[in-house]
Amino acid sequence: MQSRGSSNRLSGLVIRSRISALMLSMLASIAAIYVAGRLWQDAQNRVYLIKELDRVTGQGQPAISVEDTLKVIACREQRKKLYALEMELAAARQEGFVSKQRPDTNGTYSSRRPLAVIGIITRFGRKNNRDAIRKAWMRTGAALKKLEDEKGIIVRFVIGRSANRGDSLDRSIADENRQTNDFIILDDHVEAPEEAPKKTKLFFSYAADKWDAEFFAKVNDDVFVNIDALGAALANHLDKPRAYIGCMKSGEVFSEPGHKWYEPDWWKFGDGKSYLRHASGELFAISRALAQFISINRSILRTYAHDDISAGSWFIALDVKHIDEAKFCCSSWSTGALCAAV
């Protein structure tokens, strides 16, 4: 049996224990409410700051979404494809498979191109020949411009520079050109008889780069041409994209150094020493694609002793249509001939 004093002490401890538990519960509740309030206040502050940032920067969403990123990637891929197609198109134009449209005077584009560019290969001291050609068939001044506008035929004399650049020979050509405006002056070519094949190559390269014509023709300055008949003959072959037109021949290769037609590279033509099929050099024409081929590959195309052989060698390994046109044989002015050599 417990004493009264012990009972009183026990009940006091129980009461104090209950008060302590109650105080702890109250303190925990207050702490939880305080922490929750601070967290809520911090959240509200963050929301406010985000809204303010969006308002100031004008962005209501992330700088770029996943969807936008995919769109950017797709756009870059399309640009790459477009660039590749543009490169293929440029290559096709260079090879003559796609027309280069030129703007008309009213700003629109037209597919019409000149029928032919004719280069008359001439030299220093041949002014009499040039004047005779101007009077006979080439035309001058307004008549030359009319030939270009109405018939689509561009005619120019082709000459290089003097070995002594700027001397009286160069000045005489410059003076003549100021009066007639009918020269192509090849600045990178030095006039010399043995350089004639390179001159022909440079003419085709220059003309193909400057004019987008259907055909390019080479004529010697001692040949008289029926310009209307030539235009009609070329028009008959517009359907042939790689045409090589001329008085076709072959012939013996001369290996004797003293011979007029000596070929230093005679050994390349085999034991029979017979030239490959080629057009006679007085007059021949090639289509746009072949002229562009010469322009693109001019640095590696081999030249031989004669320009007609050289031109024939450039096309022998290509898919070219060799057209043997008797009217292009200029040895005499026979019935129906286009030209005559004098």
C-alpha atoms as a PDB file:
ATOM      1  CA  MET A   1       0.000   0.000   0.000  1.00  0.00           C
ATOM      2  CA  GLN A   2       1.397   3.337  -1.203  1.00  0.00           C
ATOM      3  CA  SER A   3       1.572   6.377   0.980  1.00  0.00           C
ATOM      4  CA  ARG A   4      -0.338   9.592   0.256  1.00  0.00           C
ATOM      5  CA  GLY A   5       2.925  11.443  -0.552  1.00  0.00           C
ATOM      6  CA  SER A   6       3.876   8.954  -3.215  1.00  0.00           C
ATOM      7  CA  SER A   7       0.500   9.280  -4.905  1.00  0.00           C
ATOM      8  CA  ASN A   8       0.765  12.988  -5.009  1.00  0.00           C
ATOM      9  CA  ARG A   9       4.259  12.843  -6.611  1.00  0.00           C
ATOM     10  CA  LEU A  10       3.083  10.371  -9.279  1.00  0.00           C
ATOM     11  CA  SER A  11       0.087  12.442 -10.293  1.00  0.00           C
ATOM     12  CA  GLY A  12       2.305  15.533 -10.536  1.00  0.00           C
ATOM     13  CA  LEU A  13       4.685  13.757 -12.907  1.00  0.00           C
ATOM     14  CA  VAL A  14       1.815  12.618 -15.095  1.00  0.00           C
ATOM     15  CA  ILE A  15       0.405  16.120 -15.334  1.00  0.00           C
ATOM     16  CA  ARG A  16       3.801  17.613 -16.174  1.00  0.00           C
ATOM     17  CA  SER A  17       4.349  14.919 -18.828  1.00  0.00           C
ATOM     18  CA  ARG A  18       1.007  15.715 -20.437  1.00  0.00           C
ATOM     19  CA  ILE A  19       1.754  19.428 -20.434  1.00  0.00           C
ATOM     20  CA  SER A  20       5.185  18.800 -22.048  1.00  0.00           C
ATOM     21  CA  ALA A  21       3.671  16.623 -24.812  1.00  0.00           C
ATOM     22  CA  LEU A  22       1.029  19.253 -25.453  1.00  0.00           C
ATOM     23  CA  MET A  23       3.656  21.983 -25.671  1.00  0.00           C
ATOM     24  CA  LEU A  24       5.759  19.942 -28.050  1.00  0.00           C
ATOM     25  CA  SER A  25       2.749  19.298 -30.269  1.00  0.00           C
ATOM     26  CA  MET A  26       1.931  22.998 -30.296  1.00  0.00           C
ATOM     27  CA  LEU A  27       5.515  23.928 -31.107  1.00  0.00           C
ATOM     28  CA  ALA A  28       5.665  21.322 -33.916  1.00  0.00           C
ATOM     29  CA  SER A  29       2.412  22.623 -35.370  1.00  0.00           C
ATOM     30  CA  ILE A  30       3.650  26.198 -35.238  1.00  0.00           C
ATOM     31  CA  ALA A  31       6.954  25.175 -36.872  1.00  0.00           C
ATOM     32  CA  ALA A  32       5.148  23.260 -39.626  1.00  0.00           C
ATOM     33  CA  ILE A  33       2.858  26.210 -40.285  1.00  0.00           C
ATOM     34  CA  TYR A  34       5.884  28.535 -40.385  1.00  0.00           C
ATOM     35  CA  VAL A  35       7.846  26.313 -42.792  1.00  0.00           C
ATOM     36  CA  ALA A  36       4.815  25.831 -45.036  1.00  0.00           C
ATOM     37  CA  GLY A  37       4.249  29.574 -45.062  1.00  0.00           C
ATOM     38  CA  ARG A  38       7.862  30.263 -46.037  1.00  0.00           C
ATOM     39  CA  LEU A  39       7.775  27.655 -48.770  1.00  0.00           C
ATOM     40  CA  TRP A  40       4.537  29.091 -50.126  1.00  0.00           C
ATOM     41  CA  GLN A  41       5.991  32.599 -49.984  1.00  0.00           C
ATOM     42  CA  ASP A  42       9.145  31.432 -51.839  1.00  0.00           C
ATOM     43  CA  ALA A  43       7.004  29.753 -54.495  1.00  0.00           C
ATOM     44  CA  GLN A  44       4.981  32.921 -54.951  1.00  0.00           C
ATOM     45  CA  ASN A  45       8.171  34.953 -55.262  1.00  0.00           C
ATOM     46  CA  ARG A  46       9.526  32.598 -57.929  1.00  0.00           C
ATOM     47  CA  VAL A  47       6.283  32.797 -59.907  1.00  0.00           C
ATOM     48  CA  TYR A  48       6.397  36.575 -59.697  1.00  0.00           C
ATOM     49  CA  LEU A  49      10.015  36.728 -60.819  1.00  0.00           C
ATOM     50  CA  ILE A  50       9.346  34.390 -63.789  1.00  0.00           C
ATOM     51  CA  LYS A  51       6.391  36.509 -64.873  1.00  0.00           C
ATOM     52  CA  GLU A  52       8.462  39.649 -64.640  1.00  0.00           C
ATOM     53  CA  LEU A  53      11.281  38.057 -66.665  1.00  0.00           C
ATOM     54  CA  ASP A  54       8.804  36.977 -69.338  1.00  0.00           C
ATOM     55  CA  ARG A  55       7.327  40.460 -69.429  1.00  0.00           C
ATOM     56  CA  VAL A  56      10.706  42.170 -69.779  1.00  0.00           C
ATOM     57  CA  THR A  57      12.193  39.788 -72.363  1.00  0.00           C
ATOM     58  CA  GLY A  58       8.951  39.218 -74.262  1.00  0.00           C
ATOM     59  CA  GLN A  59       9.276  35.462 -73.997  1.00  0.00           C
ATOM     60  CA  GLY A  60       6.372  33.553 -72.574  1.00  0.00           C
ATOM     61  CA  GLN A  61       7.973  30.151 -73.206  1.00  0.00           C
ATOM     62  CA  PRO A  62      11.455  28.619 -73.443  1.00  0.00           C
ATOM     63  CA  ALA A  63      13.810  30.061 -76.113  1.00  0.00           C
ATOM     64  CA  ILE A  64      13.299  27.049 -78.387  1.00  0.00           C
ATOM     65  CA  SER A  65      11.093  24.048 -77.935  1.00  0.00           C
ATOM     66  CA  VAL A  66      11.756  20.489 -79.065  1.00  0.00           C
ATOM     67  CA  GLU A  67       9.336  21.021 -81.947  1.00  0.00           C
ATOM     68  CA  ASP A  68      11.146  24.175 -83.028  1.00  0.00           C
ATOM     69  CA  THR A  69      14.482  22.380 -82.814  1.00  0.00           C
ATOM     70  CA  LEU A  70      13.222  19.682 -85.187  1.00  0.00           C
ATOM     71  CA  LYS A  71      12.015  22.373 -87.593  1.00  0.00           C
ATOM     72  CA  VAL A  72      15.465  24.009 -87.594  1.00  0.00           C
ATOM     73  CA  ILE A  73      17.159  20.668 -88.290  1.00  0.00           C
ATOM     74  CA  ALA A  74      14.721  19.944 -91.135  1.00  0.00           C
ATOM     75  CA  CYS A  75      15.347  23.415 -92.604  1.00  0.00           C
ATOM     76  CA  ARG A  76      19.109  22.853 -92.558  1.00  0.00           C
ATOM     77  CA  GLU A  77      18.677  19.527 -94.339  1.00  0.00           C
ATOM     78  CA  GLN A  78      16.544  21.182 -97.011  1.00  0.00           C
ATOM     79  CA  ARG A  79      19.191  23.859 -97.497  1.00  0.00           C
ATOM     80  CA  LYS A  80      21.845  21.188 -97.999  1.00  0.00           C
ATOM     81  CA  LYS A  81      19.666  19.449-100.605  1.00  0.00           C
ATOM     82  CA  LEU A  82      18.970  22.760-102.354  1.00  0.00           C
ATOM     83  CA  TYR A  83      22.692  23.577-102.444  1.00  0.00           C
ATOM     84  CA  ALA A  84      23.461  20.145-103.930  1.00  0.00           C
ATOM     85  CA  LEU A  85      20.781  20.613-106.596  1.00  0.00           C
ATOM     86  CA  GLU A  86      22.154  24.055-107.448  1.00  0.00           C
ATOM     87  CA  MET A  87      25.639  22.569-107.890  1.00  0.00           C
ATOM     88  CA  GLU A  88      24.260  19.823-110.156  1.00  0.00           C
ATOM     89  CA  LEU A  89      22.348  22.411-112.184  1.00  0.00           C
ATOM     90  CA  ALA A  90      25.474  24.547-112.605  1.00  0.00           C
ATOM     91  CA  ALA A  91      27.436  21.495-113.767  1.00  0.00           C
ATOM     92  CA  ALA A  92      24.682  20.604-116.242  1.00  0.00           C
ATOM     93  CA  ARG A  93      24.752  24.135-117.635  1.00  0.00           C
ATOM     94  CA  GLN A  94      28.520  23.949-118.058  1.00  0.00           C
ATOM     95  CA  GLU A  95      28.160  20.727-120.029  1.00  0.00           C
ATOM     96  CA  GLY A  96      25.493  22.211-122.263  1.00  0.00           C
ATOM     97  CA  PHE A  97      22.565  20.139-121.043  1.00  0.00           C
ATOM     98  CA  VAL A  98      20.587  23.059-119.596  1.00  0.00           C
ATOM     99  CA  SER A  99      19.872  26.340-121.344  1.00  0.00           C
ATOM    100  CA  LYS A 100      21.028  29.597-119.798  1.00  0.00           C
ATOM    101  CA  GLN A 101      18.102  31.976-120.026  1.00  0.00           C
ATOM    102  CA  ARG A 102      18.980  35.570-120.670  1.00  0.00           C
ATOM    103  CA  PRO A 103      16.909  38.628-119.673  1.00  0.00           C
ATOM    104  CA  ASP A 104      15.125  40.560-122.401  1.00  0.00           C
ATOM    105  CA  THR A 105      15.092  44.336-122.418  1.00  0.00           C
ATOM    106  CA  ASN A 106      11.796  44.360-120.503  1.00  0.00           C
ATOM    107  CA  GLY A 107      13.314  42.360-117.642  1.00  0.00           C
ATOM    108  CA  THR A 108      11.679  39.029-118.490  1.00  0.00           C
ATOM    109  CA  TYR A 109      13.620  35.931-119.461  1.00  0.00           C
ATOM    110  CA  SER A 110      13.773  34.337-122.867  1.00  0.00           C
ATOM    111  CA  SER A 111      15.185  31.010-123.993  1.00  0.00           C
ATOM    112  CA  ARG A 112      16.194  32.425-127.382  1.00  0.00           C
ATOM    113  CA  ARG A 113      19.932  32.374-127.978  1.00  0.00           C
ATOM    114  CA  PRO A 114      22.180  33.373-130.906  1.00  0.00           C
ATOM    115  CA  LEU A 115      22.389  30.793-133.666  1.00  0.00           C
ATOM    116  CA  ALA A 116      26.145  31.023-134.142  1.00  0.00           C
ATOM    117  CA  VAL A 117      29.328  32.832-133.189  1.00  0.00           C
ATOM    118  CA  ILE A 118      31.817  32.884-136.069  1.00  0.00           C
ATOM    119  CA  GLY A 119      35.454  33.565-135.304  1.00  0.00           C
ATOM    120  CA  ILE A 120      37.607  34.603-138.256  1.00  0.00           C
ATOM    121  CA  ILE A 121      41.189  33.659-137.394  1.00  0.00           C
ATOM    122  CA  THR A 122      43.452  36.483-138.541  1.00  0.00           C
ATOM    123  CA  ARG A 123      47.012  37.720-138.003  1.00  0.00           C
ATOM    124  CA  PHE A 124      49.061  40.901-138.010  1.00  0.00           C
ATOM    125  CA  GLY A 125      49.596  42.379-141.464  1.00  0.00           C
ATOM    126  CA  ARG A 126      46.333  40.934-142.856  1.00  0.00           C
ATOM    127  CA  LYS A 127      44.225  44.094-142.886  1.00  0.00           C
ATOM    128  CA  ASN A 128      43.579  43.775-146.615  1.00  0.00           C
ATOM    129  CA  ASN A 129      42.066  40.335-146.050  1.00  0.00           C
ATOM    130  CA  ARG A 130      39.899  41.689-143.252  1.00  0.00           C
ATOM    131  CA  ASP A 131      38.672  44.616-145.315  1.00  0.00           C
ATOM    132  CA  ALA A 132      37.823  42.281-148.207  1.00  0.00           C
ATOM    133  CA  ILE A 133      35.793  40.068-145.859  1.00  0.00           C
ATOM    134  CA  ARG A 134      34.002  43.096-144.385  1.00  0.00           C
ATOM    135  CA  LYS A 135      32.955  44.191-147.863  1.00  0.00           C
ATOM    136  CA  ALA A 136      32.044  40.726-149.120  1.00  0.00           C
ATOM    137  CA  TRP A 137      30.090  38.971-146.383  1.00  0.00           C
ATOM    138  CA  MET A 138      30.803  40.019-142.813  1.00  0.00           C
ATOM    139  CA  ARG A 139      29.142  43.449-142.855  1.00  0.00           C
ATOM    140  CA  THR A 140      30.153  46.399-140.718  1.00  0.00           C
ATOM    141  CA  GLY A 141      28.656  48.947-138.374  1.00  0.00           C
ATOM    142  CA  ALA A 142      24.860  48.918-138.188  1.00  0.00           C
ATOM    143  CA  ALA A 143      24.669  46.080-140.720  1.00  0.00           C
ATOM    144  CA  LEU A 144      26.821  43.886-138.466  1.00  0.00           C
ATOM    145  CA  LYS A 145      24.546  44.659-135.522  1.00  0.00           C
ATOM    146  CA  LYS A 146      21.507  43.877-137.663  1.00  0.00           C
ATOM    147  CA  LEU A 147      23.023  40.515-138.570  1.00  0.00           C
ATOM    148  CA  GLU A 148      23.280  39.737-134.866  1.00  0.00           C
ATOM    149  CA  ASP A 149      19.778  40.934-133.984  1.00  0.00           C
ATOM    150  CA  GLU A 150      17.837  39.518-136.920  1.00  0.00           C
ATOM    151  CA  LYS A 151      19.724  36.350-137.850  1.00  0.00           C
ATOM    152  CA  GLY A 152      21.390  35.584-134.523  1.00  0.00           C
ATOM    153  CA  ILE A 153      24.846  35.354-136.117  1.00  0.00           C
ATOM    154  CA  ILE A 154      27.794  37.049-134.386  1.00  0.00           C
ATOM    155  CA  VAL A 155      30.968  37.499-136.452  1.00  0.00           C
ATOM    156  CA  ARG A 156      34.331  38.646-135.078  1.00  0.00           C
ATOM    157  CA  PHE A 157      37.949  38.650-136.167  1.00  0.00           C
ATOM    158  CA  VAL A 158      40.169  36.766-133.701  1.00  0.00           C
ATOM    159  CA  ILE A 159      43.730  37.847-132.955  1.00  0.00           C
ATOM    160  CA  GLY A 160      46.247  37.633-130.122  1.00  0.00           C
ATOM    161  CA  ARG A 161      48.917  39.995-128.854  1.00  0.00           C
ATOM    162  CA  SER A 162      52.350  40.868-130.163  1.00  0.00           C
ATOM    163  CA  ALA A 163      55.386  39.191-128.612  1.00  0.00           C
ATOM    164  CA  ASN A 164      56.514  42.752-127.806  1.00  0.00           C
ATOM    165  CA  ARG A 165      53.300  43.663-126.053  1.00  0.00           C
ATOM    166  CA  GLY A 166      52.096  47.190-126.726  1.00  0.00           C
ATOM    167  CA  ASP A 167      54.247  47.740-129.841  1.00  0.00           C
ATOM    168  CA  SER A 168      53.103  49.114-133.196  1.00  0.00           C
ATOM    169  CA  LEU A 169      51.444  45.798-134.132  1.00  0.00           C
ATOM    170  CA  ASP A 170      49.238  45.860-131.057  1.00  0.00           C
ATOM    171  CA  ARG A 171      48.508  49.554-131.525  1.00  0.00           C
ATOM    172  CA  SER A 172      47.462  49.052-135.143  1.00  0.00           C
ATOM    173  CA  ILE A 173      44.931  46.401-134.146  1.00  0.00           C
ATOM    174  CA  ALA A 174      43.642  48.600-131.328  1.00  0.00           C
ATOM    175  CA  ASP A 175      43.180  51.491-133.778  1.00  0.00           C
ATOM    176  CA  GLU A 176      41.402  49.242-136.292  1.00  0.00           C
ATOM    177  CA  ASN A 177      39.132  47.857-133.600  1.00  0.00           C
ATOM    178  CA  ARG A 178      38.169  51.343-132.439  1.00  0.00           C
ATOM    179  CA  GLN A 179      36.926  52.018-135.958  1.00  0.00           C
ATOM    180  CA  THR A 180      35.179  48.702-136.618  1.00  0.00           C
ATOM    181  CA  ASN A 181      34.460  47.177-133.184  1.00  0.00           C
ATOM    182  CA  ASP A 182      34.618  43.685-134.687  1.00  0.00           C
ATOM    183  CA  PHE A 183      37.573  42.001-132.941  1.00  0.00           C
ATOM    184  CA  ILE A 184      38.095  39.400-130.278  1.00  0.00           C
ATOM    185  CA  ILE A 185      41.541  40.206-128.882  1.00  0.00           C
ATOM    186  CA  LEU A 186      42.987  37.267-126.933  1.00  0.00           C
ATOM    187  CA  ASP A 187      45.124  38.919-124.271  1.00  0.00           C
ATOM    188  CA  ASP A 188      46.674  35.622-123.130  1.00  0.00           C
ATOM    189  CA  HIS A 189      47.779  34.557-126.598  1.00  0.00           C
ATOM    190  CA  VAL A 190      51.002  35.594-128.365  1.00  0.00           C
ATOM    191  CA  GLU A 191      50.726  35.583-132.153  1.00  0.00           C
ATOM    192  CA  ALA A 192      53.024  33.052-133.828  1.00  0.00           C
ATOM    193  CA  PRO A 193      52.449  30.640-136.755  1.00  0.00           C
ATOM    194  CA  GLU A 194      53.215  27.589-134.628  1.00  0.00           C
ATOM    195  CA  GLU A 195      50.674  28.691-131.993  1.00  0.00           C
ATOM    196  CA  ALA A 196      47.651  28.557-134.320  1.00  0.00           C
ATOM    197  CA  PRO A 197      46.122  25.428-132.672  1.00  0.00           C
ATOM    198  CA  LYS A 198      46.267  27.072-129.246  1.00  0.00           C
ATOM    199  CA  LYS A 199      44.675  30.184-130.704  1.00  0.00           C
ATOM    200  CA  THR A 200      41.741  28.168-132.047  1.00  0.00           C
ATOM    201  CA  LYS A 201      41.315  26.521-128.657  1.00  0.00           C
ATOM    202  CA  LEU A 202      41.360  29.904-126.913  1.00  0.00           C
ATOM    203  CA  PHE A 203      38.809  31.301-129.346  1.00  0.00           C
ATOM    204  CA  PHE A 204      36.307  28.522-128.607  1.00  0.00           C
ATOM    205  CA  SER A 205      36.925  28.920-124.875  1.00  0.00           C
ATOM    206  CA  TYR A 206      36.488  32.693-124.979  1.00  0.00           C
ATOM    207  CA  ALA A 207      33.391  32.571-127.186  1.00  0.00           C
ATOM    208  CA  ALA A 208      31.699  29.836-125.124  1.00  0.00           C
ATOM    209  CA  ASP A 209      32.236  31.884-121.965  1.00  0.00           C
ATOM    210  CA  LYS A 210      30.965  35.125-123.515  1.00  0.00           C
ATOM    211  CA  TRP A 211      28.053  33.970-125.699  1.00  0.00           C
ATOM    212  CA  ASP A 212      25.430  31.300-125.146  1.00  0.00           C
ATOM    213  CA  ALA A 213      25.058  30.408-128.827  1.00  0.00           C
ATOM    214  CA  GLU A 214      23.846  27.204-130.442  1.00  0.00           C
ATOM    215  CA  PHE A 215      26.998  26.826-132.579  1.00  0.00           C
ATOM    216  CA  PHE A 216      30.542  28.164-132.705  1.00  0.00           C
ATOM    217  CA  ALA A 217      32.380  28.252-136.032  1.00  0.00           C
ATOM    218  CA  LYS A 218      36.011  28.831-136.955  1.00  0.00           C
ATOM    219  CA  VAL A 219      36.909  30.410-140.318  1.00  0.00           C
ATOM    220  CA  ASN A 220      40.239  31.407-141.827  1.00  0.00           C
ATOM    221  CA  ASP A 221      40.694  34.984-143.029  1.00  0.00           C
ATOM    222  CA  ASP A 222      41.249  33.858-146.623  1.00  0.00           C
ATOM    223  CA  VAL A 223      37.813  32.229-146.879  1.00  0.00           C
ATOM    224  CA  PHE A 224      34.635  33.830-148.238  1.00  0.00           C
ATOM    225  CA  VAL A 225      31.418  32.560-146.681  1.00  0.00           C
ATOM    226  CA  ASN A 226      27.805  32.604-147.826  1.00  0.00           C
ATOM    227  CA  ILE A 227      26.486  33.731-144.472  1.00  0.00           C
ATOM    228  CA  ASP A 228      22.813  32.970-145.167  1.00  0.00           C
ATOM    229  CA  ALA A 229      23.571  29.476-146.445  1.00  0.00           C
ATOM    230  CA  LEU A 230      25.810  28.842-143.444  1.00  0.00           C
ATOM    231  CA  GLY A 231      23.058  29.876-141.035  1.00  0.00           C
ATOM    232  CA  ALA A 232      20.544  27.614-142.785  1.00  0.00           C
ATOM    233  CA  ALA A 233      22.961  24.664-142.726  1.00  0.00           C
ATOM    234  CA  LEU A 234      23.611  25.050-139.011  1.00  0.00           C
ATOM    235  CA  ALA A 235      19.896  25.363-138.258  1.00  0.00           C
ATOM    236  CA  ASN A 236      19.395  21.911-139.794  1.00  0.00           C
ATOM    237  CA  HIS A 237      21.428  20.399-136.950  1.00  0.00           C
ATOM    238  CA  LEU A 238      19.838  22.091-133.940  1.00  0.00           C
ATOM    239  CA  ASP A 239      18.538  18.713-132.813  1.00  0.00           C
ATOM    240  CA  LYS A 240      22.084  17.364-132.343  1.00  0.00           C
ATOM    241  CA  PRO A 241      23.472  18.503-128.975  1.00  0.00           C
ATOM    242  CA  ARG A 242      27.079  17.430-129.717  1.00  0.00           C
ATOM    243  CA  ALA A 243      27.570  18.134-133.407  1.00  0.00           C
ATOM    244  CA  TYR A 244      30.950  18.510-135.154  1.00  0.00           C
ATOM    245  CA  ILE A 245      30.279  19.812-138.663  1.00  0.00           C
ATOM    246  CA  GLY A 246      32.753  20.259-141.487  1.00  0.00           C
ATOM    247  CA  CYS A 247      34.457  18.905-144.552  1.00  0.00           C
ATOM    248  CA  MET A 248      35.611  15.644-142.969  1.00  0.00           C
ATOM    249  CA  LYS A 249      38.893  14.048-144.025  1.00  0.00           C
ATOM    250  CA  SER A 250      41.861  12.072-142.772  1.00  0.00           C
ATOM    251  CA  GLY A 251      45.220  11.905-144.541  1.00  0.00           C
ATOM    252  CA  GLU A 252      48.877  11.118-144.141  1.00  0.00           C
ATOM    253  CA  VAL A 253      50.956  12.147-141.162  1.00  0.00           C
ATOM    254  CA  PHE A 254      54.306  13.611-142.235  1.00  0.00           C
ATOM    255  CA  SER A 255      57.277  12.758-140.043  1.00  0.00           C
ATOM    256  CA  GLU A 256      59.984  14.563-142.057  1.00  0.00           C
ATOM    257  CA  PRO A 257      61.068  17.734-140.206  1.00  0.00           C
ATOM    258  CA  GLY A 258      61.493  19.745-143.404  1.00  0.00           C
ATOM    259  CA  HIS A 259      58.015  19.010-144.760  1.00  0.00           C
ATOM    260  CA  LYS A 260      55.406  21.798-144.903  1.00  0.00           C
ATOM    261  CA  TRP A 261      52.925  19.715-142.892  1.00  0.00           C
ATOM    262  CA  TYR A 262      55.456  18.215-140.482  1.00  0.00           C
ATOM    263  CA  GLU A 263      53.917  16.737-137.341  1.00  0.00           C
ATOM    264  CA  PRO A 264      56.385  16.521-134.398  1.00  0.00           C
ATOM    265  CA  ASP A 265      54.101  14.029-132.653  1.00  0.00           C
ATOM    266  CA  TRP A 266      53.796  11.804-135.718  1.00  0.00           C
ATOM    267  CA  TRP A 267      54.639   8.690-133.693  1.00  0.00           C
ATOM    268  CA  LYS A 268      51.380   9.018-131.723  1.00  0.00           C
ATOM    269  CA  PHE A 269      49.333   8.178-134.819  1.00  0.00           C
ATOM    270  CA  GLY A 270      50.584   4.607-135.122  1.00  0.00           C
ATOM    271  CA  ASP A 271      52.580   2.686-137.676  1.00  0.00           C
ATOM    272  CA  GLY A 272      50.260   3.643-140.519  1.00  0.00           C
ATOM    273  CA  LYS A 273      50.772   7.313-139.735  1.00  0.00           C
ATOM    274  CA  SER A 274      47.266   8.309-140.742  1.00  0.00           C
ATOM    275  CA  TYR A 275      45.410  11.180-139.095  1.00  0.00           C
ATOM    276  CA  LEU A 276      42.175  10.528-137.265  1.00  0.00           C
ATOM    277  CA  ARG A 277      38.928  11.757-138.797  1.00  0.00           C
ATOM    278  CA  HIS A 278      38.654  15.545-138.561  1.00  0.00           C
ATOM    279  CA  ALA A 279      37.108  18.573-140.246  1.00  0.00           C
ATOM    280  CA  SER A 280      39.171  20.672-142.632  1.00  0.00           C
ATOM    281  CA  GLY A 281      40.486  23.799-140.965  1.00  0.00           C
ATOM    282  CA  GLU A 282      39.189  26.407-143.439  1.00  0.00           C
ATOM    283  CA  LEU A 283      35.704  26.269-141.903  1.00  0.00           C
ATOM    284  CA  PHE A 284      34.107  24.021-139.308  1.00  0.00           C
ATOM    285  CA  ALA A 285      31.479  24.384-136.598  1.00  0.00           C
ATOM    286  CA  ILE A 286      30.779  22.767-133.259  1.00  0.00           C
ATOM    287  CA  SER A 287      27.712  22.819-131.024  1.00  0.00           C
ATOM    288  CA  ARG A 288      27.440  24.644-127.735  1.00  0.00           C
ATOM    289  CA  ALA A 289      28.162  21.585-125.582  1.00  0.00           C
ATOM    290  CA  LEU A 290      31.447  20.909-127.393  1.00  0.00           C
ATOM    291  CA  ALA A 291      32.540  24.540-127.131  1.00  0.00           C
ATOM    292  CA  GLN A 292      31.816  24.433-123.402  1.00  0.00           C
ATOM    293  CA  PHE A 293      33.754  21.177-123.156  1.00  0.00           C
ATOM    294  CA  ILE A 294      36.780  22.953-124.674  1.00  0.00           C
ATOM    295  CA  SER A 295      36.353  25.879-122.302  1.00  0.00           C
ATOM    296  CA  ILE A 296      36.178  23.664-119.217  1.00  0.00           C
ATOM    297  CA  ASN A 297      39.132  21.465-120.229  1.00  0.00           C
ATOM    298  CA  ARG A 298      41.296  23.963-122.112  1.00  0.00           C
ATOM    299  CA  SER A 299      44.214  23.595-119.713  1.00  0.00           C
ATOM    300  CA  ILE A 300      44.582  19.855-120.419  1.00  0.00           C
ATOM    301  CA  LEU A 301      43.530  19.554-124.074  1.00  0.00           C
ATOM    302  CA  ARG A 302      46.527  18.632-126.223  1.00  0.00           C
ATOM    303  CA  THR A 303      47.326  20.576-129.390  1.00  0.00           C
ATOM    304  CA  TYR A 304      49.212  19.214-132.398  1.00  0.00           C
ATOM    305  CA  ALA A 305      50.979  20.983-135.239  1.00  0.00           C
ATOM    306  CA  HIS A 306      47.714  21.947-136.988  1.00  0.00           C
ATOM    307  CA  ASP A 307      44.504  23.367-135.577  1.00  0.00           C
ATOM    308  CA  ASP A 308      42.170  21.088-137.541  1.00  0.00           C
ATOM    309  CA  ILE A 309      43.956  17.945-136.282  1.00  0.00           C
ATOM    310  CA  SER A 310      43.956  19.355-132.764  1.00  0.00           C
ATOM    311  CA  ALA A 311      40.204  20.007-132.815  1.00  0.00           C
ATOM    312  CA  GLY A 312      39.519  16.527-134.181  1.00  0.00           C
ATOM    313  CA  SER A 313      41.607  14.954-131.413  1.00  0.00           C
ATOM    314  CA  TRP A 314      39.579  16.745-128.716  1.00  0.00           C
ATOM    315  CA  PHE A 315      36.367  15.047-129.852  1.00  0.00           C
ATOM    316  CA  ILE A 316      37.567  11.602-130.908  1.00  0.00           C
ATOM    317  CA  ALA A 317      36.856   9.994-127.530  1.00  0.00           C
ATOM    318  CA  LEU A 318      33.551  11.802-126.934  1.00  0.00           C
ATOM    319  CA  ASP A 319      30.014  10.894-127.914  1.00  0.00           C
ATOM    320  CA  VAL A 320      30.073  13.348-130.813  1.00  0.00           C
ATOM    321  CA  LYS A 321      28.152  13.352-134.082  1.00  0.00           C
ATOM    322  CA  HIS A 322      30.658  13.821-136.921  1.00  0.00           C
ATOM    323  CA  ILE A 323      28.762  15.469-139.785  1.00  0.00           C
ATOM    324  CA  ASP A 324      30.538  15.391-143.125  1.00  0.00           C
ATOM    325  CA  GLU A 325      29.092  18.416-144.893  1.00  0.00           C
ATOM    326  CA  ALA A 326      30.312  18.828-148.481  1.00  0.00           C
ATOM    327  CA  LYS A 327      29.139  22.445-148.519  1.00  0.00           C
ATOM    328  CA  PHE A 328      31.802  23.191-145.917  1.00  0.00           C
ATOM    329  CA  CYS A 329      34.582  22.198-148.334  1.00  0.00           C
ATOM    330  CA  CYS A 330      36.038  25.557-149.335  1.00  0.00           C
ATOM    331  CA  SER A 331      38.537  24.496-152.013  1.00  0.00           C
ATOM    332  CA  SER A 332      36.242  25.874-154.721  1.00  0.00           C
ATOM    333  CA  TRP A 333      32.976  27.735-155.034  1.00  0.00           C
ATOM    334  CA  SER A 334      30.887  25.017-156.562  1.00  0.00           C
ATOM    335  CA  THR A 335      27.106  24.951-156.887  1.00  0.00           C
ATOM    336  CA  GLY A 336      25.546  24.966-153.423  1.00  0.00           C
ATOM    337  CA  ALA A 337      28.852  25.577-151.602  1.00  0.00           C
ATOM    338  CA  LEU A 338      28.925  27.746-148.505  1.00  0.00           C
ATOM    339  CA  CYS A 339      32.444  29.013-148.848  1.00  0.00           C
ATOM    340  CA  ALA A 340      35.424  29.479-151.120  1.00  0.00           C
ATOM    341  CA  ALA A 341      39.128  29.739-150.257  1.00  0.00           C
ATOM    342  CA  VAL A 342      41.177  32.401-152.048  1.00  0.00           C
END
